[in-house]
Amino acid sequence: MGCYRVLRTVEEVAIQLDVSKTTIYNKLKLNEYKELIIKKQGKSMVDDDLFNLIKDSLKVKNIVENEEIENDIDQELAMDEDGLLNLNKELISNLLEQLKEKDKQISELHKLIENSQILLKEEQKKTEQQLYLAEHFEEVDNKLQDLREKMEQRKNDKKGLFKIFSK
C-alpha cells in the first residue's frame, strides 16, 4: 500500500475552517505558503501539512482578535458601569422626588378626610337636633291640644252650670 495525501480544494478548506475562500486565497499568497501549494488541473490544492499551517495561523489570529475584543468589551463595560451608575443615580433621584410628591398627596388626602369627618359629625349633630326639636314640637303640640281640649271642656262645663242656674 502506498502513502497517499489528502488534498483539499480552497472551497473545502474554507468550509472546514469556517472562513471565506478569500481568506484562504490570501493565506496562500503569502511567501511561506506559496511553495506548499499543490496544483492539480490548474486548481490550487491544499494537503494536510498546509491545511494545519493555515489552521494554526487562523487560530493565532483569532486569539489576537479575541483579546482585542475582550479589551474592547472591558472598556465598554467600564463605560457602561459608569453610565449605569449615573443612570441609577438619576433613577433614584427621580424616585425620591416621586416619593416626596406622593407624601404631599397623602398628607393632603389625610387633611381632606379629617375635614370630611368633622363635617359629617356636625351634620349628624344637626340631624339629631332636628329630630329632637321635631319630637319636642310634637310633644308641645300634644300638650297644647290637651290644654285646648281641657279649656273647651271647662267652657262647656261652665255653660252647663249657667244653664242650670239660669233656669
N, C-alpha and C. Protein backbone atom coordinates (compact mmCIF):
# COMPACT_ATOMS: atom_id res chain seq x y z
N MET A 1 0.84 -1.17 0.00
CA MET A 1 0.00 0.00 0.00
C MET A 1 0.88 1.22 0.00
N GLY A 2 0.53 2.16 -0.85
CA GLY A 2 1.32 3.38 -0.95
C GLY A 2 0.76 4.45 -0.04
N CYS A 3 1.58 5.40 0.27
CA CYS A 3 1.18 6.53 1.11
C CYS A 3 0.53 7.56 0.21
N TYR A 4 -0.66 7.94 0.52
CA TYR A 4 -1.34 8.95 -0.29
C TYR A 4 -1.67 10.16 0.58
N ARG A 5 -1.75 11.30 -0.07
CA ARG A 5 -2.05 12.54 0.63
C ARG A 5 -3.50 12.94 0.36
N VAL A 6 -4.11 13.49 1.40
CA VAL A 6 -5.46 14.04 1.24
C VAL A 6 -5.30 15.45 0.72
N LEU A 7 -5.91 15.70 -0.41
CA LEU A 7 -5.86 17.03 -0.99
C LEU A 7 -7.25 17.66 -0.90
N ARG A 8 -7.23 18.94 -0.54
CA ARG A 8 -8.49 19.67 -0.40
C ARG A 8 -8.47 20.87 -1.33
N THR A 9 -9.65 21.21 -1.81
CA THR A 9 -9.76 22.43 -2.62
C THR A 9 -9.84 23.62 -1.66
N VAL A 10 -9.64 24.79 -2.23
CA VAL A 10 -9.72 26.01 -1.41
C VAL A 10 -11.11 26.13 -0.79
N GLU A 11 -12.13 25.78 -1.54
CA GLU A 11 -13.50 25.85 -1.01
C GLU A 11 -13.69 24.90 0.17
N GLU A 12 -13.16 23.68 0.06
CA GLU A 12 -13.28 22.70 1.16
C GLU A 12 -12.55 23.20 2.40
N VAL A 13 -11.35 23.78 2.20
CA VAL A 13 -10.58 24.30 3.34
C VAL A 13 -11.36 25.43 4.02
N ALA A 14 -11.95 26.32 3.21
CA ALA A 14 -12.71 27.45 3.75
C ALA A 14 -13.89 26.95 4.57
N ILE A 15 -14.58 25.94 4.05
CA ILE A 15 -15.74 25.39 4.77
C ILE A 15 -15.29 24.74 6.07
N GLN A 16 -14.24 23.95 6.03
CA GLN A 16 -13.78 23.24 7.23
C GLN A 16 -13.26 24.19 8.30
N LEU A 17 -12.66 25.29 7.88
CA LEU A 17 -12.11 26.24 8.87
C LEU A 17 -13.10 27.37 9.19
N ASP A 18 -14.26 27.33 8.55
CA ASP A 18 -15.33 28.30 8.80
C ASP A 18 -14.86 29.74 8.51
N VAL A 19 -14.21 29.89 7.35
CA VAL A 19 -13.78 31.21 6.89
C VAL A 19 -14.15 31.32 5.41
N SER A 20 -13.93 32.50 4.84
CA SER A 20 -14.27 32.69 3.43
C SER A 20 -13.15 32.15 2.53
N LYS A 21 -13.52 31.91 1.25
CA LYS A 21 -12.50 31.46 0.29
C LYS A 21 -11.44 32.54 0.10
N THR A 22 -11.86 33.78 0.20
CA THR A 22 -10.92 34.90 0.04
C THR A 22 -9.85 34.84 1.12
N THR A 23 -10.25 34.50 2.35
CA THR A 23 -9.28 34.39 3.44
C THR A 23 -8.25 33.31 3.11
N ILE A 24 -8.69 32.19 2.59
CA ILE A 24 -7.76 31.09 2.25
C ILE A 24 -6.85 31.52 1.10
N TYR A 25 -7.39 32.15 0.06
CA TYR A 25 -6.55 32.61 -1.05
C TYR A 25 -5.52 33.63 -0.56
N ASN A 26 -5.91 34.52 0.34
CA ASN A 26 -4.96 35.50 0.88
C ASN A 26 -3.83 34.79 1.63
N LYS A 27 -4.16 33.74 2.35
CA LYS A 27 -3.12 32.97 3.07
C LYS A 27 -2.17 32.31 2.07
N LEU A 28 -2.75 31.75 1.01
CA LEU A 28 -1.94 31.03 0.03
C LEU A 28 -1.00 31.97 -0.74
N LYS A 29 -1.30 33.24 -0.80
CA LYS A 29 -0.44 34.21 -1.48
C LYS A 29 0.80 34.54 -0.67
N LEU A 30 0.76 34.25 0.64
CA LEU A 30 1.92 34.55 1.49
C LEU A 30 3.10 33.68 1.05
N ASN A 31 4.31 34.26 1.12
CA ASN A 31 5.51 33.56 0.68
C ASN A 31 5.73 32.24 1.40
N GLU A 32 5.43 32.20 2.66
CA GLU A 32 5.68 30.99 3.44
C GLU A 32 4.81 29.82 3.01
N TYR A 33 3.67 30.11 2.34
CA TYR A 33 2.76 29.04 1.93
C TYR A 33 2.82 28.74 0.43
N LYS A 34 3.38 29.66 -0.37
CA LYS A 34 3.38 29.50 -1.83
C LYS A 34 4.03 28.18 -2.26
N GLU A 35 5.11 27.83 -1.63
CA GLU A 35 5.85 26.62 -2.02
C GLU A 35 5.09 25.34 -1.70
N LEU A 36 4.16 25.42 -0.73
CA LEU A 36 3.45 24.22 -0.29
C LEU A 36 2.16 23.96 -1.08
N ILE A 37 1.76 24.87 -1.95
CA ILE A 37 0.54 24.70 -2.74
C ILE A 37 0.79 23.63 -3.80
N ILE A 38 -0.18 22.76 -3.96
CA ILE A 38 -0.10 21.72 -4.99
C ILE A 38 -1.11 22.09 -6.07
N LYS A 39 -0.65 22.16 -7.28
CA LYS A 39 -1.53 22.49 -8.41
C LYS A 39 -1.99 21.20 -9.04
N LYS A 40 -3.27 21.08 -9.23
CA LYS A 40 -3.82 19.89 -9.86
C LYS A 40 -4.88 20.37 -10.84
N GLN A 41 -4.66 20.11 -12.09
CA GLN A 41 -5.54 20.54 -13.17
C GLN A 41 -5.79 22.04 -13.10
N GLY A 42 -4.77 22.82 -12.74
CA GLY A 42 -4.85 24.27 -12.71
C GLY A 42 -5.50 24.82 -11.44
N LYS A 43 -5.89 23.93 -10.54
CA LYS A 43 -6.50 24.38 -9.30
C LYS A 43 -5.50 24.29 -8.18
N SER A 44 -5.61 25.22 -7.23
CA SER A 44 -4.74 25.18 -6.05
C SER A 44 -5.33 24.18 -5.08
N MET A 45 -4.51 23.24 -4.65
CA MET A 45 -4.94 22.21 -3.71
C MET A 45 -4.10 22.31 -2.45
N VAL A 46 -4.67 21.90 -1.34
CA VAL A 46 -4.02 22.02 -0.04
C VAL A 46 -3.91 20.62 0.56
N ASP A 47 -2.68 20.24 0.96
CA ASP A 47 -2.53 18.93 1.63
C ASP A 47 -2.66 19.11 3.14
N ASP A 48 -2.53 18.02 3.90
CA ASP A 48 -2.73 18.07 5.35
C ASP A 48 -1.75 19.02 6.04
N ASP A 49 -0.50 19.03 5.62
CA ASP A 49 0.50 19.89 6.26
C ASP A 49 0.12 21.37 6.09
N LEU A 50 -0.18 21.75 4.85
CA LEU A 50 -0.54 23.14 4.58
C LEU A 50 -1.86 23.50 5.29
N PHE A 51 -2.78 22.56 5.29
CA PHE A 51 -4.06 22.77 5.99
C PHE A 51 -3.82 23.09 7.46
N ASN A 52 -2.95 22.30 8.11
CA ASN A 52 -2.67 22.51 9.53
C ASN A 52 -1.96 23.84 9.77
N LEU A 53 -1.05 24.23 8.86
CA LEU A 53 -0.38 25.53 8.99
C LEU A 53 -1.39 26.68 8.90
N ILE A 54 -2.28 26.59 7.92
CA ILE A 54 -3.30 27.64 7.76
C ILE A 54 -4.21 27.68 8.99
N LYS A 55 -4.58 26.49 9.43
CA LYS A 55 -5.45 26.38 10.60
C LYS A 55 -4.79 27.02 11.81
N ASP A 56 -3.52 26.72 12.05
CA ASP A 56 -2.80 27.29 13.19
C ASP A 56 -2.67 28.80 13.07
N SER A 57 -2.40 29.30 11.88
CA SER A 57 -2.26 30.76 11.71
C SER A 57 -3.61 31.46 11.97
N LEU A 58 -4.69 30.82 11.59
CA LEU A 58 -6.00 31.40 11.86
C LEU A 58 -6.30 31.39 13.35
N LYS A 59 -5.86 30.33 14.05
CA LYS A 59 -6.06 30.27 15.50
C LYS A 59 -5.32 31.41 16.17
N VAL A 60 -4.07 31.65 15.77
CA VAL A 60 -3.28 32.73 16.36
C VAL A 60 -3.98 34.06 16.09
N LYS A 61 -4.44 34.25 14.85
CA LYS A 61 -5.13 35.48 14.51
C LYS A 61 -6.41 35.62 15.34
N ASN A 62 -7.16 34.52 15.49
CA ASN A 62 -8.39 34.55 16.29
C ASN A 62 -8.10 34.86 17.74
N ILE A 63 -7.01 34.32 18.28
CA ILE A 63 -6.65 34.59 19.68
C ILE A 63 -6.36 36.07 19.86
N VAL A 64 -5.59 36.66 18.92
CA VAL A 64 -5.29 38.09 18.99
C VAL A 64 -6.58 38.91 18.87
N GLU A 65 -7.43 38.53 17.93
CA GLU A 65 -8.69 39.26 17.75
C GLU A 65 -9.57 39.11 18.99
N ASN A 66 -9.59 37.91 19.56
CA ASN A 66 -10.40 37.70 20.76
C ASN A 66 -9.89 38.55 21.92
N GLU A 67 -8.56 38.66 22.03
CA GLU A 67 -8.00 39.50 23.09
C GLU A 67 -8.39 40.96 22.87
N GLU A 68 -8.33 41.41 21.61
CA GLU A 68 -8.73 42.78 21.30
C GLU A 68 -10.21 42.99 21.62
N ILE A 69 -11.02 42.01 21.26
CA ILE A 69 -12.46 42.10 21.53
C ILE A 69 -12.70 42.14 23.03
N GLU A 70 -11.99 41.29 23.78
CA GLU A 70 -12.14 41.28 25.24
C GLU A 70 -11.75 42.62 25.84
N ASN A 71 -10.65 43.22 25.31
CA ASN A 71 -10.24 44.54 25.80
C ASN A 71 -11.32 45.58 25.50
N ASP A 72 -11.85 45.52 24.27
CA ASP A 72 -12.92 46.46 23.90
C ASP A 72 -14.12 46.28 24.81
N ILE A 73 -14.46 45.01 25.06
CA ILE A 73 -15.62 44.73 25.92
C ILE A 73 -15.37 45.25 27.33
N ASP A 74 -14.14 45.03 27.84
CA ASP A 74 -13.82 45.53 29.17
C ASP A 74 -13.96 47.05 29.25
N GLN A 75 -13.47 47.73 28.20
CA GLN A 75 -13.59 49.19 28.17
C GLN A 75 -15.06 49.61 28.10
N GLU A 76 -15.82 48.92 27.25
CA GLU A 76 -17.24 49.25 27.14
C GLU A 76 -17.96 48.97 28.45
N LEU A 77 -17.59 47.87 29.11
CA LEU A 77 -18.21 47.55 30.39
C LEU A 77 -17.91 48.64 31.42
N ALA A 78 -16.64 49.11 31.41
CA ALA A 78 -16.27 50.16 32.35
C ALA A 78 -17.10 51.42 32.07
N MET A 79 -17.25 51.74 30.78
CA MET A 79 -18.06 52.90 30.43
C MET A 79 -19.52 52.65 30.78
N ASP A 80 -19.99 51.42 30.50
CA ASP A 80 -21.37 51.08 30.83
C ASP A 80 -21.61 51.15 32.34
N GLU A 81 -20.64 50.69 33.12
CA GLU A 81 -20.79 50.74 34.57
C GLU A 81 -20.92 52.18 35.04
N ASP A 82 -20.09 53.07 34.46
CA ASP A 82 -20.21 54.49 34.80
C ASP A 82 -21.57 55.02 34.36
N GLY A 83 -21.96 54.64 33.15
CA GLY A 83 -23.27 55.08 32.64
C GLY A 83 -24.39 54.54 33.50
N LEU A 84 -24.29 53.27 33.89
CA LEU A 84 -25.31 52.67 34.74
C LEU A 84 -25.35 53.33 36.10
N LEU A 85 -24.17 53.66 36.61
CA LEU A 85 -24.11 54.33 37.90
C LEU A 85 -24.83 55.68 37.82
N ASN A 86 -24.53 56.42 36.76
CA ASN A 86 -25.21 57.71 36.57
C ASN A 86 -26.70 57.52 36.36
N LEU A 87 -27.05 56.50 35.58
CA LEU A 87 -28.45 56.21 35.33
C LEU A 87 -29.15 55.83 36.63
N ASN A 88 -28.49 54.99 37.42
CA ASN A 88 -29.07 54.60 38.71
C ASN A 88 -29.25 55.80 39.63
N LYS A 89 -28.26 56.71 39.64
CA LYS A 89 -28.38 57.91 40.46
C LYS A 89 -29.58 58.75 40.02
N GLU A 90 -29.74 58.88 38.69
CA GLU A 90 -30.87 59.64 38.16
C GLU A 90 -32.19 58.98 38.54
N LEU A 91 -32.24 57.66 38.39
CA LEU A 91 -33.46 56.93 38.73
C LEU A 91 -33.80 57.09 40.21
N ILE A 92 -32.80 56.97 41.05
CA ILE A 92 -33.02 57.11 42.49
C ILE A 92 -33.50 58.52 42.80
N SER A 93 -32.89 59.50 42.18
CA SER A 93 -33.29 60.89 42.39
C SER A 93 -34.75 61.10 41.95
N ASN A 94 -35.10 60.58 40.79
CA ASN A 94 -36.48 60.70 40.30
C ASN A 94 -37.45 59.99 41.22
N LEU A 95 -37.07 58.82 41.68
CA LEU A 95 -37.95 58.06 42.58
C LEU A 95 -38.14 58.79 43.91
N LEU A 96 -37.07 59.41 44.41
CA LEU A 96 -37.18 60.17 45.66
C LEU A 96 -38.11 61.37 45.48
N GLU A 97 -38.00 62.05 44.33
CA GLU A 97 -38.90 63.17 44.05
C GLU A 97 -40.35 62.69 43.99
N GLN A 98 -40.55 61.55 43.35
CA GLN A 98 -41.90 61.00 43.26
C GLN A 98 -42.43 60.64 44.64
N LEU A 99 -41.57 60.08 45.48
CA LEU A 99 -41.99 59.73 46.84
C LEU A 99 -42.40 60.98 47.62
N LYS A 100 -41.62 62.05 47.48
CA LYS A 100 -41.96 63.30 48.17
C LYS A 100 -43.31 63.80 47.70
N GLU A 101 -43.53 63.76 46.40
CA GLU A 101 -44.80 64.21 45.83
C GLU A 101 -45.95 63.35 46.34
N LYS A 102 -45.74 62.05 46.39
CA LYS A 102 -46.78 61.14 46.90
C LYS A 102 -47.05 61.40 48.38
N ASP A 103 -46.00 61.69 49.13
CA ASP A 103 -46.19 62.02 50.56
C ASP A 103 -47.05 63.27 50.71
N LYS A 104 -46.80 64.27 49.85
CA LYS A 104 -47.61 65.50 49.90
C LYS A 104 -49.07 65.17 49.58
N GLN A 105 -49.26 64.35 48.55
CA GLN A 105 -50.62 63.98 48.16
C GLN A 105 -51.32 63.23 49.28
N ILE A 106 -50.61 62.33 49.92
CA ILE A 106 -51.18 61.56 51.03
C ILE A 106 -51.55 62.50 52.18
N SER A 107 -50.67 63.44 52.47
CA SER A 107 -50.94 64.41 53.54
C SER A 107 -52.19 65.23 53.22
N GLU A 108 -52.30 65.69 51.98
CA GLU A 108 -53.47 66.47 51.58
C GLU A 108 -54.74 65.62 51.68
N LEU A 109 -54.66 64.39 51.24
CA LEU A 109 -55.82 63.49 51.32
C LEU A 109 -56.21 63.23 52.77
N HIS A 110 -55.21 63.11 53.62
CA HIS A 110 -55.47 62.89 55.05
C HIS A 110 -56.23 64.09 55.63
N LYS A 111 -55.79 65.31 55.27
CA LYS A 111 -56.47 66.52 55.74
C LYS A 111 -57.91 66.56 55.23
N LEU A 112 -58.09 66.20 53.96
CA LEU A 112 -59.45 66.19 53.40
C LEU A 112 -60.34 65.19 54.13
N ILE A 113 -59.80 64.04 54.47
CA ILE A 113 -60.57 63.03 55.20
C ILE A 113 -60.94 63.55 56.57
N GLU A 114 -59.99 64.18 57.26
CA GLU A 114 -60.28 64.75 58.58
C GLU A 114 -61.38 65.81 58.49
N ASN A 115 -61.28 66.69 57.50
CA ASN A 115 -62.31 67.72 57.32
C ASN A 115 -63.67 67.09 57.01
N SER A 116 -63.67 66.06 56.20
CA SER A 116 -64.92 65.36 55.87
C SER A 116 -65.52 64.73 57.11
N GLN A 117 -64.68 64.16 57.95
CA GLN A 117 -65.18 63.55 59.19
C GLN A 117 -65.78 64.60 60.12
N ILE A 118 -65.13 65.76 60.21
CA ILE A 118 -65.64 66.85 61.05
C ILE A 118 -66.99 67.31 60.52
N LEU A 119 -67.08 67.50 59.20
CA LEU A 119 -68.34 67.94 58.60
C LEU A 119 -69.43 66.89 58.82
N LEU A 120 -69.06 65.64 58.70
CA LEU A 120 -70.03 64.56 58.90
C LEU A 120 -70.55 64.54 60.33
N LYS A 121 -69.66 64.73 61.31
CA LYS A 121 -70.08 64.78 62.71
C LYS A 121 -71.02 65.97 62.95
N GLU A 122 -70.69 67.12 62.38
CA GLU A 122 -71.54 68.29 62.53
C GLU A 122 -72.91 68.04 61.91
N GLU A 123 -72.92 67.40 60.75
CA GLU A 123 -74.17 67.08 60.08
C GLU A 123 -75.01 66.11 60.93
N GLN A 124 -74.34 65.15 61.56
CA GLN A 124 -75.04 64.20 62.42
C GLN A 124 -75.64 64.93 63.63
N LYS A 125 -74.88 65.86 64.20
CA LYS A 125 -75.39 66.64 65.34
C LYS A 125 -76.62 67.43 64.92
N LYS A 126 -76.56 68.07 63.74
CA LYS A 126 -77.70 68.85 63.25
C LYS A 126 -78.91 67.95 63.07
N THR A 127 -78.68 66.79 62.51
CA THR A 127 -79.78 65.84 62.29
C THR A 127 -80.38 65.41 63.62
N GLU A 128 -79.52 65.12 64.60
CA GLU A 128 -80.00 64.74 65.92
C GLU A 128 -80.81 65.88 66.55
N GLN A 129 -80.30 67.10 66.41
CA GLN A 129 -81.01 68.26 66.96
C GLN A 129 -82.36 68.45 66.28
N GLN A 130 -82.38 68.26 64.97
CA GLN A 130 -83.64 68.40 64.24
C GLN A 130 -84.64 67.35 64.71
N LEU A 131 -84.16 66.11 64.89
CA LEU A 131 -85.05 65.06 65.39
C LEU A 131 -85.55 65.40 66.80
N TYR A 132 -84.64 65.88 67.63
CA TYR A 132 -85.02 66.26 69.00
C TYR A 132 -86.05 67.38 68.97
N LEU A 133 -85.80 68.39 68.12
CA LEU A 133 -86.74 69.51 68.00
C LEU A 133 -88.08 69.03 67.47
N ALA A 134 -88.07 68.13 66.50
CA ALA A 134 -89.31 67.62 65.95
C ALA A 134 -90.11 66.90 67.03
N GLU A 135 -89.41 66.09 67.81
CA GLU A 135 -90.08 65.37 68.91
C GLU A 135 -90.61 66.37 69.95
N HIS A 136 -89.79 67.38 70.26
CA HIS A 136 -90.18 68.39 71.25
C HIS A 136 -91.41 69.16 70.77
N PHE A 137 -91.40 69.58 69.49
CA PHE A 137 -92.55 70.30 68.95
C PHE A 137 -93.80 69.43 68.95
N GLU A 138 -93.63 68.16 68.64
CA GLU A 138 -94.77 67.25 68.66
C GLU A 138 -95.32 67.13 70.09
N GLU A 139 -94.40 67.05 71.05
CA GLU A 139 -94.80 66.97 72.46
C GLU A 139 -95.52 68.25 72.89
N VAL A 140 -94.96 69.42 72.51
CA VAL A 140 -95.58 70.70 72.83
C VAL A 140 -96.94 70.80 72.15
N ASP A 141 -96.99 70.36 70.92
CA ASP A 141 -98.24 70.37 70.16
C ASP A 141 -99.30 69.52 70.86
N ASN A 142 -98.89 68.33 71.31
CA ASN A 142 -99.81 67.45 72.03
C ASN A 142 -100.30 68.10 73.33
N LYS A 143 -99.39 68.74 74.05
CA LYS A 143 -99.78 69.41 75.30
C LYS A 143 -100.75 70.56 75.03
N LEU A 144 -100.46 71.32 73.96
CA LEU A 144 -101.36 72.41 73.59
C LEU A 144 -102.73 71.87 73.22
N GLN A 145 -102.73 70.79 72.49
CA GLN A 145 -104.00 70.17 72.10
C GLN A 145 -104.78 69.72 73.35
N ASP A 146 -104.05 69.11 74.30
CA ASP A 146 -104.68 68.68 75.55
C ASP A 146 -105.24 69.89 76.30
N LEU A 147 -104.47 70.98 76.36
CA LEU A 147 -104.93 72.20 77.03
C LEU A 147 -106.17 72.76 76.35
N ARG A 148 -106.20 72.79 75.07
CA ARG A 148 -107.36 73.28 74.34
C ARG A 148 -108.59 72.44 74.66
N GLU A 149 -108.36 71.15 74.64
CA GLU A 149 -109.48 70.25 74.94
C GLU A 149 -110.00 70.48 76.36
N LYS A 150 -109.07 70.63 77.31
CA LYS A 150 -109.47 70.86 78.71
C LYS A 150 -110.20 72.19 78.83
N MET A 151 -109.66 73.22 78.16
CA MET A 151 -110.30 74.53 78.22
C MET A 151 -111.68 74.48 77.59
N GLU A 152 -111.79 73.78 76.51
CA GLU A 152 -113.07 73.63 75.83
C GLU A 152 -114.06 72.91 76.73
N GLN A 153 -113.56 71.91 77.41
CA GLN A 153 -114.41 71.13 78.31
C GLN A 153 -114.85 72.01 79.48
N ARG A 154 -113.97 72.83 80.02
CA ARG A 154 -114.32 73.73 81.13
C ARG A 154 -115.36 74.74 80.68
N LYS A 155 -115.18 75.25 79.48
CA LYS A 155 -116.15 76.21 78.96
C LYS A 155 -117.51 75.56 78.89
N ASN A 156 -117.47 74.35 78.39
CA ASN A 156 -118.74 73.63 78.26
C ASN A 156 -119.33 73.35 79.63
N ASP A 157 -118.46 73.03 80.59
CA ASP A 157 -118.94 72.77 81.94
C ASP A 157 -119.53 74.05 82.55
N LYS A 158 -118.90 75.18 82.35
CA LYS A 158 -119.39 76.45 82.89
C LYS A 158 -120.70 76.83 82.22
N LYS A 159 -120.80 76.62 80.94
CA LYS A 159 -122.03 76.93 80.24
C LYS A 159 -123.14 76.06 80.78
N GLY A 160 -122.76 74.86 81.07
CA GLY A 160 -123.77 73.93 81.61
C GLY A 160 -124.23 74.40 82.98
N LEU A 161 -123.33 74.93 83.78
CA LEU A 161 -123.71 75.44 85.12
C LEU A 161 -124.59 76.67 84.97
N PHE A 162 -124.25 77.55 84.07
CA PHE A 162 -125.07 78.74 83.85
C PHE A 162 -126.42 78.36 83.35
N LYS A 163 -126.52 77.35 82.55
CA LYS A 163 -127.81 76.92 82.02
C LYS A 163 -128.65 76.38 83.16
N ILE A 164 -128.01 75.67 84.08
CA ILE A 164 -128.75 75.10 85.20
C ILE A 164 -129.22 76.23 86.07
N PHE A 165 -128.37 77.22 86.38
CA PHE A 165 -128.72 78.33 87.26
C PHE A 165 -129.66 79.31 86.56
N SER A 166 -129.56 79.38 85.28
CA SER A 166 -130.38 80.34 84.58
C SER A 166 -131.82 79.83 84.41
N LYS A 167 -132.14 78.67 84.69
CA LYS A 167 -133.49 78.11 84.57
C LYS A 167 -134.30 78.47 85.70
